[in-house]
Amino acid sequence: MFISFDPITVLVVSGAFATGVLVYRRTTPSEGATALSRGERLALALGAAATVIVIGGYLGSGFRGIGHTANAQLAGVAEAVKPGVGR
């Protein structure tokens, strides 16, 4: 996955920051309730931001398939054993 500084990258990173801030603020404890500590809230916010970056990176640059050569092993053998070459 290649990431360059383009409009898609700006959108993904700003979306990640916004998501992180929203998650951090939404997990604040209410009055008198026992809830997550500040570190746990920060970990959730960072995880949400990383998720947005990963998903946005794939959607922005597209999914790339795995390239393979048909009979790659046989092609390598054919190159190594050429008749009359190197003898």
PDB file of N, CA and C in Angstrom:
ATOM      1  N   MET A   1       0.848  -1.158   0.000  1.00  0.00           N
ATOM      2  CA  MET A   1       0.000   0.000   0.000  1.00  0.00           C
ATOM      3  C   MET A   1       0.896   1.224   0.000  1.00  0.00           C
ATOM      4  N   PHE A   2       0.709   2.083  -0.987  1.00  0.00           N
ATOM      5  CA  PHE A   2       1.479   3.298  -1.097  1.00  0.00           C
ATOM      6  C   PHE A   2       0.615   4.472  -0.668  1.00  0.00           C
ATOM      7  N   ILE A   3       1.165   5.307   0.204  1.00  0.00           N
ATOM      8  CA  ILE A   3       0.426   6.483   0.650  1.00  0.00           C
ATOM      9  C   ILE A   3       1.233   7.710   0.256  1.00  0.00           C
ATOM     10  N   SER A   4       0.611   8.608  -0.437  1.00  0.00           N
ATOM     11  CA  SER A   4       1.243   9.864  -0.802  1.00  0.00           C
ATOM     12  C   SER A   4       0.383  11.001  -0.268  1.00  0.00           C
ATOM     13  N   PHE A   5       0.917  12.199  -0.311  1.00  0.00           N
ATOM     14  CA  PHE A   5       0.174  13.347   0.190  1.00  0.00           C
ATOM     15  C   PHE A   5      -0.753  13.844  -0.906  1.00  0.00           C
ATOM     16  N   ASP A   6      -1.973  13.400  -0.861  1.00  0.00           N
ATOM     17  CA  ASP A   6      -2.980  13.783  -1.830  1.00  0.00           C
ATOM     18  C   ASP A   6      -4.290  14.021  -1.087  1.00  0.00           C
ATOM     19  N   PRO A   7      -5.333  14.426  -1.769  1.00  0.00           N
ATOM     20  CA  PRO A   7      -6.604  14.710  -1.073  1.00  0.00           C
ATOM     21  C   PRO A   7      -7.169  13.508  -0.318  1.00  0.00           C
ATOM     22  N   ILE A   8      -6.993  12.312  -0.847  1.00  0.00           N
ATOM     23  CA  ILE A   8      -7.497  11.121  -0.143  1.00  0.00           C
ATOM     24  C   ILE A   8      -6.777  10.954   1.189  1.00  0.00           C
ATOM     25  N   THR A   9      -5.465  11.161   1.199  1.00  0.00           N
ATOM     26  CA  THR A   9      -4.696  11.030   2.434  1.00  0.00           C
ATOM     27  C   THR A   9      -5.142  12.070   3.446  1.00  0.00           C
ATOM     28  N   VAL A  10      -5.359  13.278   2.989  1.00  0.00           N
ATOM     29  CA  VAL A  10      -5.816  14.336   3.894  1.00  0.00           C
ATOM     30  C   VAL A  10      -7.171  13.968   4.493  1.00  0.00           C
ATOM     31  N   LEU A  11      -8.074  13.456   3.672  1.00  0.00           N
ATOM     32  CA  LEU A  11      -9.387  13.051   4.181  1.00  0.00           C
ATOM     33  C   LEU A  11      -9.279  11.906   5.175  1.00  0.00           C
ATOM     34  N   VAL A  12      -8.445  10.926   4.892  1.00  0.00           N
ATOM     35  CA  VAL A  12      -8.309   9.774   5.780  1.00  0.00           C
ATOM     36  C   VAL A  12      -7.706  10.184   7.116  1.00  0.00           C
ATOM     37  N   VAL A  13      -6.663  10.991   7.081  1.00  0.00           N
ATOM     38  CA  VAL A  13      -6.013  11.408   8.327  1.00  0.00           C
ATOM     39  C   VAL A  13      -6.922  12.317   9.146  1.00  0.00           C
ATOM     40  N   SER A  14      -7.604  13.253   8.496  1.00  0.00           N
ATOM     41  CA  SER A  14      -8.517  14.117   9.252  1.00  0.00           C
ATOM     42  C   SER A  14      -9.694  13.311   9.800  1.00  0.00           C
ATOM     43  N   GLY A  15     -10.160  12.322   9.054  1.00  0.00           N
ATOM     44  CA  GLY A  15     -11.206  11.439   9.569  1.00  0.00           C
ATOM     45  C   GLY A  15     -10.727  10.619  10.754  1.00  0.00           C
ATOM     46  N   ALA A  16      -9.472  10.198  10.714  1.00  0.00           N
ATOM     47  CA  ALA A  16      -8.903   9.435  11.833  1.00  0.00           C
ATOM     48  C   ALA A  16      -8.805  10.300  13.085  1.00  0.00           C
ATOM     49  N   PHE A  17      -8.334  11.547  12.916  1.00  0.00           N
ATOM     50  CA  PHE A  17      -8.270  12.456  14.073  1.00  0.00           C
ATOM     51  C   PHE A  17      -9.658  12.713  14.640  1.00  0.00           C
ATOM     52  N   ALA A  18     -10.619  12.973  13.771  1.00  0.00           N
ATOM     53  CA  ALA A  18     -11.983  13.250  14.226  1.00  0.00           C
ATOM     54  C   ALA A  18     -12.571  12.032  14.936  1.00  0.00           C
ATOM     55  N   THR A  19     -12.352  10.856  14.399  1.00  0.00           N
ATOM     56  CA  THR A  19     -12.858   9.641  15.035  1.00  0.00           C
ATOM     57  C   THR A  19     -12.214   9.420  16.394  1.00  0.00           C
ATOM     58  N   GLY A  20     -10.907   9.646  16.469  1.00  0.00           N
ATOM     59  CA  GLY A  20     -10.210   9.501  17.751  1.00  0.00           C
ATOM     60  C   GLY A  20     -10.743  10.448  18.808  1.00  0.00           C
ATOM     61  N   VAL A  21     -10.973  11.698  18.421  1.00  0.00           N
ATOM     62  CA  VAL A  21     -11.503  12.677  19.369  1.00  0.00           C
ATOM     63  C   VAL A  21     -12.920  12.307  19.791  1.00  0.00           C
ATOM     64  N   LEU A  22     -13.740  11.887  18.845  1.00  0.00           N
ATOM     65  CA  LEU A  22     -15.117  11.513  19.183  1.00  0.00           C
ATOM     66  C   LEU A  22     -15.160  10.311  20.120  1.00  0.00           C
ATOM     67  N   VAL A  23     -14.335   9.318  19.854  1.00  0.00           N
ATOM     68  CA  VAL A  23     -14.317   8.132  20.723  1.00  0.00           C
ATOM     69  C   VAL A  23     -13.820   8.517  22.111  1.00  0.00           C
ATOM     70  N   TYR A  24     -12.791   9.351  22.177  1.00  0.00           N
ATOM     71  CA  TYR A  24     -12.254   9.760  23.476  1.00  0.00           C
ATOM     72  C   TYR A  24     -13.299  10.520  24.286  1.00  0.00           C
ATOM     73  N   ARG A  25     -14.027  11.408  23.631  1.00  0.00           N
ATOM     74  CA  ARG A  25     -15.035  12.201  24.346  1.00  0.00           C
ATOM     75  C   ARG A  25     -16.268  11.383  24.717  1.00  0.00           C
ATOM     76  N   ARG A  26     -16.657  10.443  23.844  1.00  0.00           N
ATOM     77  CA  ARG A  26     -17.855   9.644  24.121  1.00  0.00           C
ATOM     78  C   ARG A  26     -17.643   8.652  25.262  1.00  0.00           C
ATOM     79  N   THR A  27     -16.397   8.330  25.567  1.00  0.00           N
ATOM     80  CA  THR A  27     -16.131   7.363  26.636  1.00  0.00           C
ATOM     81  C   THR A  27     -15.841   8.029  27.972  1.00  0.00           C
ATOM     82  N   THR A  28     -16.107   9.324  28.097  1.00  0.00           N
ATOM     83  CA  THR A  28     -15.905   9.992  29.383  1.00  0.00           C
ATOM     84  C   THR A  28     -16.928   9.467  30.384  1.00  0.00           C
ATOM     85  N   PRO A  29     -16.509   9.304  31.619  1.00  0.00           N
ATOM     86  CA  PRO A  29     -17.451   8.791  32.621  1.00  0.00           C
ATOM     87  C   PRO A  29     -18.490   9.853  32.998  1.00  0.00           C
ATOM     88  N   SER A  30     -19.694   9.399  33.245  1.00  0.00           N
ATOM     89  CA  SER A  30     -20.735  10.324  33.693  1.00  0.00           C
ATOM     90  C   SER A  30     -20.618  10.514  35.199  1.00  0.00           C
ATOM     91  N   GLU A  31     -21.425  11.395  35.725  1.00  0.00           N
ATOM     92  CA  GLU A  31     -21.371  11.712  37.154  1.00  0.00           C
ATOM     93  C   GLU A  31     -21.615  10.473  38.006  1.00  0.00           C
ATOM     94  N   GLY A  32     -20.679  10.174  38.874  1.00  0.00           N
ATOM     95  CA  GLY A  32     -20.847   9.090  39.830  1.00  0.00           C
ATOM     96  C   GLY A  32     -20.724   7.681  39.266  1.00  0.00           C
ATOM     97  N   ALA A  33     -20.424   7.561  37.997  1.00  0.00           N
ATOM     98  CA  ALA A  33     -20.320   6.229  37.395  1.00  0.00           C
ATOM     99  C   ALA A  33     -18.856   5.804  37.343  1.00  0.00           C
ATOM    100  N   THR A  34     -18.637   4.530  37.536  1.00  0.00           N
ATOM    101  CA  THR A  34     -17.287   4.012  37.361  1.00  0.00           C
ATOM    102  C   THR A  34     -17.137   3.614  35.903  1.00  0.00           C
ATOM    103  N   ALA A  35     -16.116   4.131  35.276  1.00  0.00           N
ATOM    104  CA  ALA A  35     -15.941   3.895  33.846  1.00  0.00           C
ATOM    105  C   ALA A  35     -14.472   3.647  33.554  1.00  0.00           C
ATOM    106  N   LEU A  36     -14.134   3.773  32.319  1.00  0.00           N
ATOM    107  CA  LEU A  36     -12.769   3.531  31.866  1.00  0.00           C
ATOM    108  C   LEU A  36     -11.824   4.617  32.373  1.00  0.00           C
ATOM    109  N   SER A  37     -10.578   4.220  32.596  1.00  0.00           N
ATOM    110  CA  SER A  37      -9.582   5.209  32.995  1.00  0.00           C
ATOM    111  C   SER A  37      -9.166   6.031  31.782  1.00  0.00           C
ATOM    112  N   ARG A  38      -8.377   7.052  32.029  1.00  0.00           N
ATOM    113  CA  ARG A  38      -7.935   7.931  30.942  1.00  0.00           C
ATOM    114  C   ARG A  38      -7.072   7.157  29.939  1.00  0.00           C
ATOM    115  N   GLY A  39      -6.224   6.281  30.403  1.00  0.00           N
ATOM    116  CA  GLY A  39      -5.376   5.486  29.519  1.00  0.00           C
ATOM    117  C   GLY A  39      -6.178   4.528  28.661  1.00  0.00           C
ATOM    118  N   GLU A  40      -7.199   3.920  29.259  1.00  0.00           N
ATOM    119  CA  GLU A  40      -8.059   3.013  28.482  1.00  0.00           C
ATOM    120  C   GLU A  40      -8.844   3.774  27.417  1.00  0.00           C
ATOM    121  N   ARG A  41      -9.321   4.956  27.763  1.00  0.00           N
ATOM    122  CA  ARG A  41     -10.015   5.781  26.772  1.00  0.00           C
ATOM    123  C   ARG A  41      -9.091   6.185  25.642  1.00  0.00           C
ATOM    124  N   LEU A  42      -7.848   6.532  25.979  1.00  0.00           N
ATOM    125  CA  LEU A  42      -6.873   6.905  24.968  1.00  0.00           C
ATOM    126  C   LEU A  42      -6.551   5.714  24.052  1.00  0.00           C
ATOM    127  N   ALA A  43      -6.441   4.525  24.633  1.00  0.00           N
ATOM    128  CA  ALA A  43      -6.178   3.325  23.825  1.00  0.00           C
ATOM    129  C   ALA A  43      -7.331   3.052  22.866  1.00  0.00           C
ATOM    130  N   LEU A  44      -8.553   3.211  23.328  1.00  0.00           N
ATOM    131  CA  LEU A  44      -9.705   3.034  22.441  1.00  0.00           C
ATOM    132  C   LEU A  44      -9.706   4.068  21.311  1.00  0.00           C
ATOM    133  N   ALA A  45      -9.377   5.303  21.636  1.00  0.00           N
ATOM    134  CA  ALA A  45      -9.353   6.357  20.623  1.00  0.00           C
ATOM    135  C   ALA A  45      -8.263   6.095  19.587  1.00  0.00           C
ATOM    136  N   LEU A  46      -7.083   5.666  20.027  1.00  0.00           N
ATOM    137  CA  LEU A  46      -6.004   5.365  19.090  1.00  0.00           C
ATOM    138  C   LEU A  46      -6.341   4.159  18.217  1.00  0.00           C
ATOM    139  N   GLY A  47      -6.986   3.172  18.805  1.00  0.00           N
ATOM    140  CA  GLY A  47      -7.414   2.010  18.022  1.00  0.00           C
ATOM    141  C   GLY A  47      -8.439   2.383  16.964  1.00  0.00           C
ATOM    142  N   ALA A  48      -9.364   3.244  17.316  1.00  0.00           N
ATOM    143  CA  ALA A  48     -10.371   3.686  16.348  1.00  0.00           C
ATOM    144  C   ALA A  48      -9.725   4.500  15.229  1.00  0.00           C
ATOM    145  N   ALA A  49      -8.764   5.354  15.580  1.00  0.00           N
ATOM    146  CA  ALA A  49      -8.075   6.148  14.565  1.00  0.00           C
ATOM    147  C   ALA A  49      -7.262   5.251  13.630  1.00  0.00           C
ATOM    148  N   ALA A  50      -6.600   4.255  14.183  1.00  0.00           N
ATOM    149  CA  ALA A  50      -5.823   3.330  13.348  1.00  0.00           C
ATOM    150  C   ALA A  50      -6.740   2.535  12.419  1.00  0.00           C
ATOM    151  N   THR A  51      -7.906   2.161  12.911  1.00  0.00           N
ATOM    152  CA  THR A  51      -8.871   1.441  12.080  1.00  0.00           C
ATOM    153  C   THR A  51      -9.329   2.308  10.912  1.00  0.00           C
ATOM    154  N   VAL A  52      -9.587   3.571  11.176  1.00  0.00           N
ATOM    155  CA  VAL A  52      -9.998   4.482  10.109  1.00  0.00           C
ATOM    156  C   VAL A  52      -8.883   4.634   9.078  1.00  0.00           C
ATOM    157  N   ILE A  53      -7.637   4.701   9.520  1.00  0.00           N
ATOM    158  CA  ILE A  53      -6.514   4.839   8.595  1.00  0.00           C
ATOM    159  C   ILE A  53      -6.368   3.599   7.725  1.00  0.00           C
ATOM    160  N   VAL A  54      -6.492   2.421   8.332  1.00  0.00           N
ATOM    161  CA  VAL A  54      -6.350   1.184   7.554  1.00  0.00           C
ATOM    162  C   VAL A  54      -7.466   1.052   6.527  1.00  0.00           C
ATOM    163  N   ILE A  55      -8.697   1.228   6.958  1.00  0.00           N
ATOM    164  CA  ILE A  55      -9.829   1.091   6.036  1.00  0.00           C
ATOM    165  C   ILE A  55      -9.793   2.183   4.969  1.00  0.00           C
ATOM    166  N   GLY A  56      -9.486   3.410   5.368  1.00  0.00           N
ATOM    167  CA  GLY A  56      -9.406   4.503   4.411  1.00  0.00           C
ATOM    168  C   GLY A  56      -8.264   4.328   3.426  1.00  0.00           C
ATOM    169  N   GLY A  57      -7.155   3.758   3.885  1.00  0.00           N
ATOM    170  CA  GLY A  57      -6.040   3.499   2.986  1.00  0.00           C
ATOM    171  C   GLY A  57      -6.396   2.491   1.920  1.00  0.00           C
ATOM    172  N   TYR A  58      -7.094   1.440   2.309  1.00  0.00           N
ATOM    173  CA  TYR A  58      -7.516   0.450   1.321  1.00  0.00           C
ATOM    174  C   TYR A  58      -8.558   1.020   0.362  1.00  0.00           C
ATOM    175  N   LEU A  59      -9.505   1.764   0.889  1.00  0.00           N
ATOM    176  CA  LEU A  59     -10.542   2.323   0.023  1.00  0.00           C
ATOM    177  C   LEU A  59      -9.997   3.426  -0.876  1.00  0.00           C
ATOM    178  N   GLY A  60      -9.028   4.173  -0.384  1.00  0.00           N
ATOM    179  CA  GLY A  60      -8.472   5.264  -1.163  1.00  0.00           C
ATOM    180  C   GLY A  60      -7.585   4.810  -2.304  1.00  0.00           C
ATOM    181  N   SER A  61      -6.789   3.779  -2.063  1.00  0.00           N
ATOM    182  CA  SER A  61      -5.874   3.328  -3.106  1.00  0.00           C
ATOM    183  C   SER A  61      -6.367   2.073  -3.797  1.00  0.00           C
ATOM    184  N   GLY A  62      -7.415   1.496  -3.308  1.00  0.00           N
ATOM    185  CA  GLY A  62      -7.964   0.297  -3.927  1.00  0.00           C
ATOM    186  C   GLY A  62      -7.276  -0.963  -3.430  1.00  0.00           C
ATOM    187  N   PHE A  63      -7.958  -2.050  -3.575  1.00  0.00           N
ATOM    188  CA  PHE A  63      -7.392  -3.336  -3.193  1.00  0.00           C
ATOM    189  C   PHE A  63      -6.509  -3.835  -4.324  1.00  0.00           C
ATOM    190  N   ARG A  64      -5.361  -4.329  -3.994  1.00  0.00           N
ATOM    191  CA  ARG A  64      -4.457  -4.868  -5.000  1.00  0.00           C
ATOM    192  C   ARG A  64      -4.386  -6.371  -4.810  1.00  0.00           C
ATOM    193  N   GLY A  65      -4.610  -7.073  -5.900  1.00  0.00           N
ATOM    194  CA  GLY A  65      -4.599  -8.524  -5.840  1.00  0.00           C
ATOM    195  C   GLY A  65      -3.187  -9.072  -5.728  1.00  0.00           C
ATOM    196  N   ILE A  66      -3.113 -10.331  -5.471  1.00  0.00           N
ATOM    197  CA  ILE A  66      -1.829 -11.008  -5.387  1.00  0.00           C
ATOM    198  C   ILE A  66      -1.475 -11.489  -6.780  1.00  0.00           C
ATOM    199  N   GLY A  67      -0.364 -11.012  -7.294  1.00  0.00           N
ATOM    200  CA  GLY A  67       0.046 -11.405  -8.641  1.00  0.00           C
ATOM    201  C   GLY A  67       0.858 -12.689  -8.599  1.00  0.00           C
ATOM    202  N   HIS A  68       0.622 -13.555  -9.550  1.00  0.00           N
ATOM    203  CA  HIS A  68       1.394 -14.783  -9.636  1.00  0.00           C
ATOM    204  C   HIS A  68       1.523 -15.201 -11.089  1.00  0.00           C
ATOM    205  N   THR A  69       2.576 -15.926 -11.350  1.00  0.00           N
ATOM    206  CA  THR A  69       2.825 -16.420 -12.692  1.00  0.00           C
ATOM    207  C   THR A  69       2.399 -17.874 -12.755  1.00  0.00           C
ATOM    208  N   ALA A  70       1.707 -18.229 -13.805  1.00  0.00           N
ATOM    209  CA  ALA A  70       1.313 -19.624 -13.965  1.00  0.00           C
ATOM    210  C   ALA A  70       2.568 -20.455 -14.215  1.00  0.00           C
ATOM    211  N   ASN A  71       2.720 -21.511 -13.470  1.00  0.00           N
ATOM    212  CA  ASN A  71       3.874 -22.407 -13.573  1.00  0.00           C
ATOM    213  C   ASN A  71       5.199 -21.650 -13.445  1.00  0.00           C
ATOM    214  N   ALA A  72       5.318 -20.850 -12.411  1.00  0.00           N
ATOM    215  CA  ALA A  72       6.534 -20.075 -12.198  1.00  0.00           C
ATOM    216  C   ALA A  72       7.731 -20.985 -11.992  1.00  0.00           C
ATOM    217  N   GLN A  73       7.523 -22.125 -11.390  1.00  0.00           N
ATOM    218  CA  GLN A  73       8.615 -23.055 -11.145  1.00  0.00           C
ATOM    219  C   GLN A  73       9.129 -23.626 -12.466  1.00  0.00           C
ATOM    220  N   LEU A  74       8.240 -23.968 -13.362  1.00  0.00           N
ATOM    221  CA  LEU A  74       8.651 -24.503 -14.649  1.00  0.00           C
ATOM    222  C   LEU A  74       9.329 -23.447 -15.506  1.00  0.00           C
ATOM    223  N   ALA A  75       8.904 -22.205 -15.412  1.00  0.00           N
ATOM    224  CA  ALA A  75       9.533 -21.139 -16.178  1.00  0.00           C
ATOM    225  C   ALA A  75      10.971 -20.929 -15.725  1.00  0.00           C
ATOM    226  N   GLY A  76      11.221 -21.032 -14.434  1.00  0.00           N
ATOM    227  CA  GLY A  76      12.581 -20.901 -13.914  1.00  0.00           C
ATOM    228  C   GLY A  76      13.469 -22.036 -14.379  1.00  0.00           C
ATOM    229  N   VAL A  77      12.940 -23.230 -14.436  1.00  0.00           N
ATOM    230  CA  VAL A  77      13.702 -24.386 -14.890  1.00  0.00           C
ATOM    231  C   VAL A  77      14.004 -24.253 -16.371  1.00  0.00           C
ATOM    232  N   ALA A  78      13.073 -23.790 -17.154  1.00  0.00           N
ATOM    233  CA  ALA A  78      13.272 -23.626 -18.604  1.00  0.00           C
ATOM    234  C   ALA A  78      14.367 -22.597 -18.873  1.00  0.00           C
ATOM    235  N   GLU A  79      14.445 -21.554 -18.072  1.00  0.00           N
ATOM    236  CA  GLU A  79      15.487 -20.556 -18.253  1.00  0.00           C
ATOM    237  C   GLU A  79      16.854 -21.125 -17.905  1.00  0.00           C
ATOM    238  N   ALA A  80      16.922 -21.952 -16.873  1.00  0.00           N
ATOM    239  CA  ALA A  80      18.194 -22.492 -16.415  1.00  0.00           C
ATOM    240  C   ALA A  80      18.723 -23.557 -17.352  1.00  0.00           C
ATOM    241  N   VAL A  81      17.873 -24.282 -18.043  1.00  0.00           N
ATOM    242  CA  VAL A  81      18.308 -25.404 -18.877  1.00  0.00           C
ATOM    243  C   VAL A  81      18.001 -25.105 -20.338  1.00  0.00           C
ATOM    244  N   LYS A  82      18.724 -24.192 -20.909  1.00  0.00           N
ATOM    245  CA  LYS A  82      18.588 -23.913 -22.327  1.00  0.00           C
ATOM    246  C   LYS A  82      19.606 -24.758 -23.082  1.00  0.00           C
ATOM    247  N   PRO A  83      19.170 -25.444 -24.091  1.00  0.00           N
ATOM    248  CA  PRO A  83      20.126 -26.288 -24.809  1.00  0.00           C
ATOM    249  C   PRO A  83      21.153 -25.449 -25.576  1.00  0.00           C
ATOM    250  N   GLY A  84      22.410 -25.828 -25.446  1.00  0.00           N
ATOM    251  CA  GLY A  84      23.479 -25.212 -26.193  1.00  0.00           C
ATOM    252  C   GLY A  84      24.005 -23.927 -25.610  1.00  0.00           C
ATOM    253  N   VAL A  85      23.447 -23.447 -24.521  1.00  0.00           N
ATOM    254  CA  VAL A  85      23.894 -22.196 -23.918  1.00  0.00           C
ATOM    255  C   VAL A  85      24.794 -22.526 -22.740  1.00  0.00           C
ATOM    256  N   GLY A  86      25.992 -21.978 -22.740  1.00  0.00           N
ATOM    257  CA  GLY A  86      26.896 -22.159 -21.622  1.00  0.00           C
ATOM    258  C   GLY A  86      27.593 -23.516 -21.610  1.00  0.00           C
ATOM    259  N   ARG A  87      27.571 -24.260 -22.691  1.00  0.00           N
ATOM    260  CA  ARG A  87      28.223 -25.560 -22.684  1.00  0.00           C
ATOM    261  C   ARG A  87      29.372 -25.578 -23.637  1.00  0.00           C
TER     262      ARG A  87
END
